[in-house]
Amino acid sequence: MKRNLKKILLFGLPLVLLLVYLAFAFFRIGQEEKVFKANGIVVEMTNPQFKFVNKKEILKIAEKQLGNTKDVKLDSINKNSLESAINKNPFVEDAQVFRSSDNACRIEITQRSPVLRVWTDTASYYLDKDGYKMPTGTKYAALVHMYRGNISESFAQKELLQFQAYLDDHSFWSEMIDYIMVNSKEELTLYLRAKSGKIHLGKPDNVAEKLEKLLLFINKVGKFNGLETYETIDLRYDNQVVVKKKEANATR
């Protein structure tokens, strides 16, 4: 009996001690996870080609929300609140806050991507693909087509966005056009890049048909004379292209 008891103590006690140790270790790990301090704040830009907002500006927002970011506890970070604060920046499309593998608080920023710029007598702003207005006048200027003239916000967010989407899908026209003027009738005049001529498109409807008509003109007529010889090319009339040549003594 005593011999059996000794065997139980000999083999069982180490097993009990091991189980106690493992339980204590898991408890300690769990506690450390709860109070683990962030190794700083890491900000990553998913589209760094845009320079509307920088990492320092995002860090300032984080510091305002979290206080001293060096001593912040990871479990004390209100992820939704921090993301909401960052998303209030008009140049931020999306902010994601999460814990990285190196135990840092990681903030992933996607900046808004402007597709066009509107410039009127009373306003200047960018529009992204969803029609969201972005302010201008910052230290960074996006290389997008500019629309100038008498432009209502609703016209810009619908018709001009649709027209710009067509240009973005057809690089030939996008690269040819410098900027676009809009008159009070909401008709578009396209000013050519590196050319002094202009193209009267009219209303931004049936765009594919109008530009196909222009392409036929360029291929059949324009290539002989050069587009620079024309002062205006008018696409507003059905089944025809109306042109006006520059005067012989006109200067560029």
C-alpha atoms as a PDB file:
ATOM      1  CA  MET A   1       0.000   0.000   0.000  1.00  0.00           C
ATOM      2  CA  LYS A   2       2.777   2.370   1.008  1.00  0.00           C
ATOM      3  CA  ARG A   3       4.740   1.324  -2.060  1.00  0.00           C
ATOM      4  CA  ASN A   4       1.756   2.171  -4.329  1.00  0.00           C
ATOM      5  CA  LEU A   5       1.336   5.535  -2.598  1.00  0.00           C
ATOM      6  CA  LYS A   6       4.997   6.338  -3.199  1.00  0.00           C
ATOM      7  CA  LYS A   7       4.575   5.499  -6.897  1.00  0.00           C
ATOM      8  CA  ILE A   8       1.548   7.775  -7.138  1.00  0.00           C
ATOM      9  CA  LEU A   9       3.419  10.605  -5.445  1.00  0.00           C
ATOM     10  CA  LEU A  10       6.504   9.978  -7.546  1.00  0.00           C
ATOM     11  CA  PHE A  11       4.732  10.117 -10.897  1.00  0.00           C
ATOM     12  CA  GLY A  12       1.596  12.113 -10.058  1.00  0.00           C
ATOM     13  CA  LEU A  13       3.088  15.060  -8.207  1.00  0.00           C
ATOM     14  CA  PRO A  14       5.217  16.287 -11.118  1.00  0.00           C
ATOM     15  CA  LEU A  15       2.156  16.032 -13.366  1.00  0.00           C
ATOM     16  CA  VAL A  16       0.091  18.095 -10.921  1.00  0.00           C
ATOM     17  CA  LEU A  17       2.857  20.653 -10.619  1.00  0.00           C
ATOM     18  CA  LEU A  18       3.088  20.850 -14.437  1.00  0.00           C
ATOM     19  CA  LEU A  19      -0.644  21.427 -14.756  1.00  0.00           C
ATOM     20  CA  VAL A  20      -0.520  24.149 -12.080  1.00  0.00           C
ATOM     21  CA  TYR A  21       2.390  25.811 -13.874  1.00  0.00           C
ATOM     22  CA  LEU A  22       0.624  25.736 -17.240  1.00  0.00           C
ATOM     23  CA  ALA A  23      -2.564  27.164 -15.728  1.00  0.00           C
ATOM     24  CA  PHE A  24      -0.591  29.962 -14.086  1.00  0.00           C
ATOM     25  CA  ALA A  25       1.298  30.640 -17.323  1.00  0.00           C
ATOM     26  CA  PHE A  26      -1.895  30.908 -19.386  1.00  0.00           C
ATOM     27  CA  PHE A  27      -3.371  33.214 -16.741  1.00  0.00           C
ATOM     28  CA  ARG A  28      -0.299  35.470 -16.879  1.00  0.00           C
ATOM     29  CA  ILE A  29      -0.385  35.550 -20.676  1.00  0.00           C
ATOM     30  CA  GLY A  30      -4.052  36.497 -20.599  1.00  0.00           C
ATOM     31  CA  GLN A  31      -3.368  39.280 -18.140  1.00  0.00           C
ATOM     32  CA  GLU A  32      -0.436  40.571 -20.184  1.00  0.00           C
ATOM     33  CA  GLU A  33      -2.623  40.622 -23.296  1.00  0.00           C
ATOM     34  CA  LYS A  34      -5.127  42.890 -21.544  1.00  0.00           C
ATOM     35  CA  VAL A  35      -2.604  45.421 -20.272  1.00  0.00           C
ATOM     36  CA  PHE A  36      -0.104  45.245 -23.169  1.00  0.00           C
ATOM     37  CA  LYS A  37       0.972  48.721 -24.189  1.00  0.00           C
ATOM     38  CA  ALA A  38       1.089  49.717 -27.855  1.00  0.00           C
ATOM     39  CA  ASN A  39       4.547  50.014 -29.335  1.00  0.00           C
ATOM     40  CA  GLY A  40       3.599  53.381 -30.794  1.00  0.00           C
ATOM     41  CA  ILE A  41       1.151  54.194 -33.583  1.00  0.00           C
ATOM     42  CA  VAL A  42       1.847  52.984 -37.117  1.00  0.00           C
ATOM     43  CA  VAL A  43       0.143  54.831 -39.996  1.00  0.00           C
ATOM     44  CA  GLU A  44       0.065  53.319 -43.474  1.00  0.00           C
ATOM     45  CA  MET A  45      -1.264  54.998 -46.634  1.00  0.00           C
ATOM     46  CA  THR A  46      -2.781  52.539 -49.113  1.00  0.00           C
ATOM     47  CA  ASN A  47      -2.596  55.082 -51.969  1.00  0.00           C
ATOM     48  CA  PRO A  48       0.460  57.238 -51.192  1.00  0.00           C
ATOM     49  CA  GLN A  49       0.490  58.725 -54.703  1.00  0.00           C
ATOM     50  CA  PHE A  50      -2.004  61.267 -53.353  1.00  0.00           C
ATOM     51  CA  LYS A  51      -0.617  63.835 -50.923  1.00  0.00           C
ATOM     52  CA  PHE A  52      -3.798  65.370 -49.500  1.00  0.00           C
ATOM     53  CA  VAL A  53      -3.168  64.125 -45.976  1.00  0.00           C
ATOM     54  CA  ASN A  54       0.043  62.907 -44.352  1.00  0.00           C
ATOM     55  CA  LYS A  55       0.955  60.596 -41.486  1.00  0.00           C
ATOM     56  CA  LYS A  56       1.642  63.432 -39.053  1.00  0.00           C
ATOM     57  CA  GLU A  57      -1.901  64.765 -39.491  1.00  0.00           C
ATOM     58  CA  ILE A  58      -3.338  61.302 -38.807  1.00  0.00           C
ATOM     59  CA  LEU A  59      -1.117  60.945 -35.727  1.00  0.00           C
ATOM     60  CA  LYS A  60      -2.402  64.264 -34.397  1.00  0.00           C
ATOM     61  CA  ILE A  61      -5.967  62.989 -34.648  1.00  0.00           C
ATOM     62  CA  ALA A  62      -4.947  59.784 -32.866  1.00  0.00           C
ATOM     63  CA  GLU A  63      -3.178  61.712 -30.094  1.00  0.00           C
ATOM     64  CA  LYS A  64      -6.233  63.897 -29.603  1.00  0.00           C
ATOM     65  CA  GLN A  65      -8.387  60.788 -29.214  1.00  0.00           C
ATOM     66  CA  LEU A  66      -5.977  58.647 -27.189  1.00  0.00           C
ATOM     67  CA  GLY A  67      -3.852  61.139 -25.268  1.00  0.00           C
ATOM     68  CA  ASN A  68      -0.281  59.916 -24.807  1.00  0.00           C
ATOM     69  CA  THR A  69       0.020  57.355 -27.602  1.00  0.00           C
ATOM     70  CA  LYS A  70       3.254  55.888 -26.182  1.00  0.00           C
ATOM     71  CA  ASP A  71       1.556  54.648 -23.021  1.00  0.00           C
ATOM     72  CA  VAL A  72      -1.865  53.806 -24.405  1.00  0.00           C
ATOM     73  CA  LYS A  73      -3.218  50.351 -23.543  1.00  0.00           C
ATOM     74  CA  LEU A  74      -4.386  48.412 -26.545  1.00  0.00           C
ATOM     75  CA  ASP A  75      -7.543  47.222 -24.816  1.00  0.00           C
ATOM     76  CA  SER A  76      -8.440  50.838 -23.997  1.00  0.00           C
ATOM     77  CA  ILE A  77      -8.525  51.952 -27.637  1.00  0.00           C
ATOM     78  CA  ASN A  78     -12.050  52.594 -28.888  1.00  0.00           C
ATOM     79  CA  LYS A  79     -11.530  51.408 -32.447  1.00  0.00           C
ATOM     80  CA  ASN A  80     -14.835  52.742 -33.803  1.00  0.00           C
ATOM     81  CA  SER A  81     -14.385  56.139 -32.155  1.00  0.00           C
ATOM     82  CA  LEU A  82     -10.856  56.554 -33.536  1.00  0.00           C
ATOM     83  CA  GLU A  83     -11.913  55.488 -37.036  1.00  0.00           C
ATOM     84  CA  SER A  84     -14.861  57.893 -36.922  1.00  0.00           C
ATOM     85  CA  ALA A  85     -12.611  60.797 -35.893  1.00  0.00           C
ATOM     86  CA  ILE A  86     -10.176  60.112 -38.737  1.00  0.00           C
ATOM     87  CA  ASN A  87     -12.965  59.674 -41.298  1.00  0.00           C
ATOM     88  CA  LYS A  88     -14.145  63.228 -40.579  1.00  0.00           C
ATOM     89  CA  ASN A  89     -11.138  64.446 -42.562  1.00  0.00           C
ATOM     90  CA  PRO A  90     -12.546  65.314 -46.017  1.00  0.00           C
ATOM     91  CA  PHE A  91      -9.558  63.731 -47.749  1.00  0.00           C
ATOM     92  CA  VAL A  92      -9.942  60.348 -46.011  1.00  0.00           C
ATOM     93  CA  GLU A  93     -12.175  57.809 -47.732  1.00  0.00           C
ATOM     94  CA  ASP A  94     -11.654  55.046 -45.194  1.00  0.00           C
ATOM     95  CA  ALA A  95      -9.705  54.455 -41.969  1.00  0.00           C
ATOM     96  CA  GLN A  96      -9.120  51.023 -40.458  1.00  0.00           C
ATOM     97  CA  VAL A  97      -7.669  50.613 -36.953  1.00  0.00           C
ATOM     98  CA  PHE A  98      -6.301  47.251 -35.839  1.00  0.00           C
ATOM     99  CA  ARG A  99      -3.523  45.601 -33.866  1.00  0.00           C
ATOM    100  CA  SER A 100      -0.548  44.559 -35.969  1.00  0.00           C
ATOM    101  CA  SER A 101       1.604  41.459 -35.538  1.00  0.00           C
ATOM    102  CA  ASP A 102       4.311  43.525 -33.837  1.00  0.00           C
ATOM    103  CA  ASN A 103       1.807  44.680 -31.193  1.00  0.00           C
ATOM    104  CA  ALA A 104       1.489  48.204 -32.554  1.00  0.00           C
ATOM    105  CA  CYS A 105      -1.744  50.094 -33.064  1.00  0.00           C
ATOM    106  CA  ARG A 106      -1.943  50.179 -36.851  1.00  0.00           C
ATOM    107  CA  ILE A 107      -3.995  52.772 -38.738  1.00  0.00           C
ATOM    108  CA  GLU A 108      -4.563  52.079 -42.419  1.00  0.00           C
ATOM    109  CA  ILE A 109      -5.648  55.122 -44.433  1.00  0.00           C
ATOM    110  CA  THR A 110      -7.218  55.212 -47.881  1.00  0.00           C
ATOM    111  CA  GLN A 111      -7.284  58.753 -49.266  1.00  0.00           C
ATOM    112  CA  ARG A 112     -10.071  59.955 -51.516  1.00  0.00           C
ATOM    113  CA  SER A 113      -9.164  59.862 -55.197  1.00  0.00           C
ATOM    114  CA  PRO A 114     -10.299  62.960 -57.128  1.00  0.00           C
ATOM    115  CA  VAL A 115     -11.371  62.413 -60.725  1.00  0.00           C
ATOM    116  CA  LEU A 116     -12.103  66.015 -61.724  1.00  0.00           C
ATOM    117  CA  ARG A 117     -11.901  69.597 -60.503  1.00  0.00           C
ATOM    118  CA  VAL A 118     -14.640  72.227 -60.720  1.00  0.00           C
ATOM    119  CA  TRP A 119     -13.781  75.921 -60.815  1.00  0.00           C
ATOM    120  CA  THR A 120     -16.531  78.531 -60.896  1.00  0.00           C
ATOM    121  CA  ASP A 121     -16.714  82.210 -59.964  1.00  0.00           C
ATOM    122  CA  THR A 122     -17.766  81.281 -56.433  1.00  0.00           C
ATOM    123  CA  ALA A 123     -16.311  77.844 -55.746  1.00  0.00           C
ATOM    124  CA  SER A 124     -13.434  75.482 -56.400  1.00  0.00           C
ATOM    125  CA  TYR A 125     -13.470  71.824 -55.419  1.00  0.00           C
ATOM    126  CA  TYR A 126     -12.585  68.299 -56.433  1.00  0.00           C
ATOM    127  CA  LEU A 127     -15.041  65.450 -56.923  1.00  0.00           C
ATOM    128  CA  ASP A 128     -14.209  61.815 -56.343  1.00  0.00           C
ATOM    129  CA  LYS A 129     -15.833  58.977 -58.296  1.00  0.00           C
ATOM    130  CA  ASP A 130     -18.818  58.976 -55.912  1.00  0.00           C
ATOM    131  CA  GLY A 131     -19.444  62.712 -56.271  1.00  0.00           C
ATOM    132  CA  TYR A 132     -18.020  63.552 -52.834  1.00  0.00           C
ATOM    133  CA  LYS A 133     -16.736  67.133 -52.667  1.00  0.00           C
ATOM    134  CA  MET A 134     -13.139  67.658 -51.640  1.00  0.00           C
ATOM    135  CA  PRO A 135     -11.697  71.113 -50.895  1.00  0.00           C
ATOM    136  CA  THR A 136      -8.874  72.619 -52.946  1.00  0.00           C
ATOM    137  CA  GLY A 137      -6.249  75.124 -51.930  1.00  0.00           C
ATOM    138  CA  THR A 138      -4.123  72.554 -50.108  1.00  0.00           C
ATOM    139  CA  LYS A 139      -0.392  72.027 -50.557  1.00  0.00           C
ATOM    140  CA  TYR A 140      -1.109  69.307 -53.131  1.00  0.00           C
ATOM    141  CA  ALA A 141      -2.829  69.685 -56.506  1.00  0.00           C
ATOM    142  CA  ALA A 142      -4.196  66.577 -58.213  1.00  0.00           C
ATOM    143  CA  LEU A 143      -3.566  66.136 -61.946  1.00  0.00           C
ATOM    144  CA  VAL A 144      -7.161  65.855 -63.123  1.00  0.00           C
ATOM    145  CA  HIS A 145      -9.262  67.565 -65.770  1.00  0.00           C
ATOM    146  CA  MET A 146     -10.567  70.978 -64.791  1.00  0.00           C
ATOM    147  CA  TYR A 147     -14.122  72.092 -65.586  1.00  0.00           C
ATOM    148  CA  ARG A 148     -14.588  75.852 -65.595  1.00  0.00           C
ATOM    149  CA  GLY A 149     -17.558  78.131 -66.032  1.00  0.00           C
ATOM    150  CA  ASN A 150     -21.205  78.199 -65.006  1.00  0.00           C
ATOM    151  CA  ILE A 151     -21.485  74.855 -63.184  1.00  0.00           C
ATOM    152  CA  SER A 152     -24.091  73.828 -60.638  1.00  0.00           C
ATOM    153  CA  GLU A 153     -23.130  71.266 -58.035  1.00  0.00           C
ATOM    154  CA  SER A 154     -25.828  68.841 -59.163  1.00  0.00           C
ATOM    155  CA  PHE A 155     -24.687  69.067 -62.811  1.00  0.00           C
ATOM    156  CA  ALA A 156     -21.100  68.419 -61.753  1.00  0.00           C
ATOM    157  CA  GLN A 157     -21.996  65.441 -59.568  1.00  0.00           C
ATOM    158  CA  LYS A 158     -24.044  63.755 -62.282  1.00  0.00           C
ATOM    159  CA  GLU A 159     -23.417  64.784 -65.898  1.00  0.00           C
ATOM    160  CA  LEU A 160     -19.790  65.878 -65.507  1.00  0.00           C
ATOM    161  CA  LEU A 161     -18.892  62.778 -63.506  1.00  0.00           C
ATOM    162  CA  GLN A 162     -20.413  60.597 -66.218  1.00  0.00           C
ATOM    163  CA  PHE A 163     -18.537  62.469 -68.943  1.00  0.00           C
ATOM    164  CA  GLN A 164     -15.279  62.243 -67.003  1.00  0.00           C
ATOM    165  CA  ALA A 165     -15.796  58.508 -66.498  1.00  0.00           C
ATOM    166  CA  TYR A 166     -15.996  58.171 -70.285  1.00  0.00           C
ATOM    167  CA  LEU A 167     -12.726  60.089 -70.696  1.00  0.00           C
ATOM    168  CA  ASP A 168     -11.036  57.956 -68.047  1.00  0.00           C
ATOM    169  CA  ASP A 169     -12.063  54.839 -69.970  1.00  0.00           C
ATOM    170  CA  HIS A 170     -10.743  56.260 -73.259  1.00  0.00           C
ATOM    171  CA  SER A 171      -7.176  57.454 -72.810  1.00  0.00           C
ATOM    172  CA  PHE A 172      -6.969  58.808 -76.382  1.00  0.00           C
ATOM    173  CA  TRP A 173      -9.502  61.534 -75.602  1.00  0.00           C
ATOM    174  CA  SER A 174      -8.357  62.030 -72.027  1.00  0.00           C
ATOM    175  CA  GLU A 175      -4.799  62.773 -73.115  1.00  0.00           C
ATOM    176  CA  MET A 176      -5.922  65.070 -75.941  1.00  0.00           C
ATOM    177  CA  ILE A 177      -8.118  67.331 -73.770  1.00  0.00           C
ATOM    178  CA  ASP A 178      -6.554  69.981 -71.568  1.00  0.00           C
ATOM    179  CA  TYR A 179      -9.590  71.497 -69.816  1.00  0.00           C
ATOM    180  CA  ILE A 180     -13.335  71.912 -70.344  1.00  0.00           C
ATOM    181  CA  MET A 181     -15.472  75.050 -70.313  1.00  0.00           C
ATOM    182  CA  VAL A 182     -19.174  74.884 -69.405  1.00  0.00           C
ATOM    183  CA  ASN A 183     -21.573  77.638 -70.502  1.00  0.00           C
ATOM    184  CA  SER A 184     -24.891  78.737 -68.999  1.00  0.00           C
ATOM    185  CA  LYS A 185     -26.725  76.186 -71.197  1.00  0.00           C
ATOM    186  CA  GLU A 186     -24.628  73.406 -69.666  1.00  0.00           C
ATOM    187  CA  GLU A 187     -22.852  72.838 -72.971  1.00  0.00           C
ATOM    188  CA  LEU A 188     -19.247  71.689 -73.002  1.00  0.00           C
ATOM    189  CA  THR A 189     -16.349  73.118 -74.997  1.00  0.00           C
ATOM    190  CA  LEU A 190     -13.197  71.003 -74.992  1.00  0.00           C
ATOM    191  CA  TYR A 191      -9.843  72.784 -75.184  1.00  0.00           C
ATOM    192  CA  LEU A 192      -7.118  70.636 -76.676  1.00  0.00           C
ATOM    193  CA  ARG A 193      -3.799  69.975 -75.009  1.00  0.00           C
ATOM    194  CA  ALA A 194      -0.867  71.585 -76.848  1.00  0.00           C
ATOM    195  CA  LYS A 195      -3.306  72.856 -79.499  1.00  0.00           C
ATOM    196  CA  SER A 196      -5.016  76.211 -79.789  1.00  0.00           C
ATOM    197  CA  GLY A 197      -8.240  74.850 -81.221  1.00  0.00           C
ATOM    198  CA  LYS A 198     -11.418  73.979 -79.345  1.00  0.00           C
ATOM    199  CA  ILE A 199     -14.208  71.467 -79.793  1.00  0.00           C
ATOM    200  CA  HIS A 200     -17.858  72.313 -79.163  1.00  0.00           C
ATOM    201  CA  LEU A 201     -19.309  69.118 -77.765  1.00  0.00           C
ATOM    202  CA  GLY A 202     -22.640  70.585 -76.700  1.00  0.00           C
ATOM    203  CA  LYS A 203     -24.647  68.796 -74.021  1.00  0.00           C
ATOM    204  CA  PRO A 204     -22.740  65.882 -72.480  1.00  0.00           C
ATOM    205  CA  ASP A 205     -25.100  63.306 -73.969  1.00  0.00           C
ATOM    206  CA  ASN A 206     -24.462  60.801 -76.770  1.00  0.00           C
ATOM    207  CA  VAL A 207     -20.793  61.336 -76.004  1.00  0.00           C
ATOM    208  CA  ALA A 208     -19.570  58.148 -77.681  1.00  0.00           C
ATOM    209  CA  GLU A 209     -21.430  59.008 -80.890  1.00  0.00           C
ATOM    210  CA  LYS A 210     -20.116  62.589 -80.955  1.00  0.00           C
ATOM    211  CA  LEU A 211     -16.516  61.620 -80.340  1.00  0.00           C
ATOM    212  CA  GLU A 212     -16.711  58.797 -82.880  1.00  0.00           C
ATOM    213  CA  LYS A 213     -17.819  61.442 -85.373  1.00  0.00           C
ATOM    214  CA  LEU A 214     -14.810  63.534 -84.405  1.00  0.00           C
ATOM    215  CA  LEU A 215     -12.483  60.571 -84.776  1.00  0.00           C
ATOM    216  CA  LEU A 216     -13.736  59.972 -88.328  1.00  0.00           C
ATOM    217  CA  PHE A 217     -13.097  63.630 -89.089  1.00  0.00           C
ATOM    218  CA  ILE A 218      -9.560  63.411 -87.683  1.00  0.00           C
ATOM    219  CA  ASN A 219      -8.776  60.282 -89.690  1.00  0.00           C
ATOM    220  CA  LYS A 220     -10.240  61.477 -92.997  1.00  0.00           C
ATOM    221  CA  VAL A 221      -9.619  65.215 -92.967  1.00  0.00           C
ATOM    222  CA  GLY A 222      -7.720  66.396 -89.947  1.00  0.00           C
ATOM    223  CA  LYS A 223      -4.633  64.279 -90.606  1.00  0.00           C
ATOM    224  CA  PHE A 224      -4.029  66.134 -93.872  1.00  0.00           C
ATOM    225  CA  ASN A 225      -4.375  69.633 -92.521  1.00  0.00           C
ATOM    226  CA  GLY A 226      -3.645  69.114 -88.811  1.00  0.00           C
ATOM    227  CA  LEU A 227      -6.067  70.016 -86.049  1.00  0.00           C
ATOM    228  CA  GLU A 228      -4.051  73.152 -85.359  1.00  0.00           C
ATOM    229  CA  THR A 229      -5.370  74.648 -88.604  1.00  0.00           C
ATOM    230  CA  TYR A 230      -8.931  74.751 -87.197  1.00  0.00           C
ATOM    231  CA  GLU A 231     -10.151  77.380 -84.800  1.00  0.00           C
ATOM    232  CA  THR A 232     -13.273  75.436 -83.835  1.00  0.00           C
ATOM    233  CA  ILE A 233     -14.718  71.993 -84.445  1.00  0.00           C
ATOM    234  CA  ASP A 234     -18.455  71.767 -83.747  1.00  0.00           C
ATOM    235  CA  LEU A 235     -20.065  68.412 -82.928  1.00  0.00           C
ATOM    236  CA  ARG A 236     -23.467  69.713 -81.877  1.00  0.00           C
ATOM    237  CA  TYR A 237     -25.206  68.896 -85.165  1.00  0.00           C
ATOM    238  CA  ASP A 238     -26.507  65.482 -86.185  1.00  0.00           C
ATOM    239  CA  ASN A 239     -24.453  63.540 -88.717  1.00  0.00           C
ATOM    240  CA  GLN A 240     -22.049  66.361 -89.453  1.00  0.00           C
ATOM    241  CA  VAL A 241     -18.973  68.148 -88.203  1.00  0.00           C
ATOM    242  CA  VAL A 242     -18.918  71.914 -88.656  1.00  0.00           C
ATOM    243  CA  VAL A 243     -15.466  73.463 -88.648  1.00  0.00           C
ATOM    244  CA  LYS A 244     -14.014  76.933 -88.822  1.00  0.00           C
ATOM    245  CA  LYS A 245     -10.467  77.380 -90.050  1.00  0.00           C
ATOM    246  CA  LYS A 246      -8.103  79.871 -88.537  1.00  0.00           C
ATOM    247  CA  GLU A 247      -7.394  82.990 -90.478  1.00  0.00           C
ATOM    248  CA  ALA A 248      -4.138  82.876 -92.386  1.00  0.00           C
ATOM    249  CA  ASN A 249      -2.632  85.783 -90.460  1.00  0.00           C
ATOM    250  CA  ALA A 250      -3.873  84.627 -87.055  1.00  0.00           C
ATOM    251  CA  THR A 251      -1.185  84.207 -84.437  1.00  0.00           C
ATOM    252  CA  ARG A 252      -1.108  81.384 -81.912  1.00  0.00           C
END
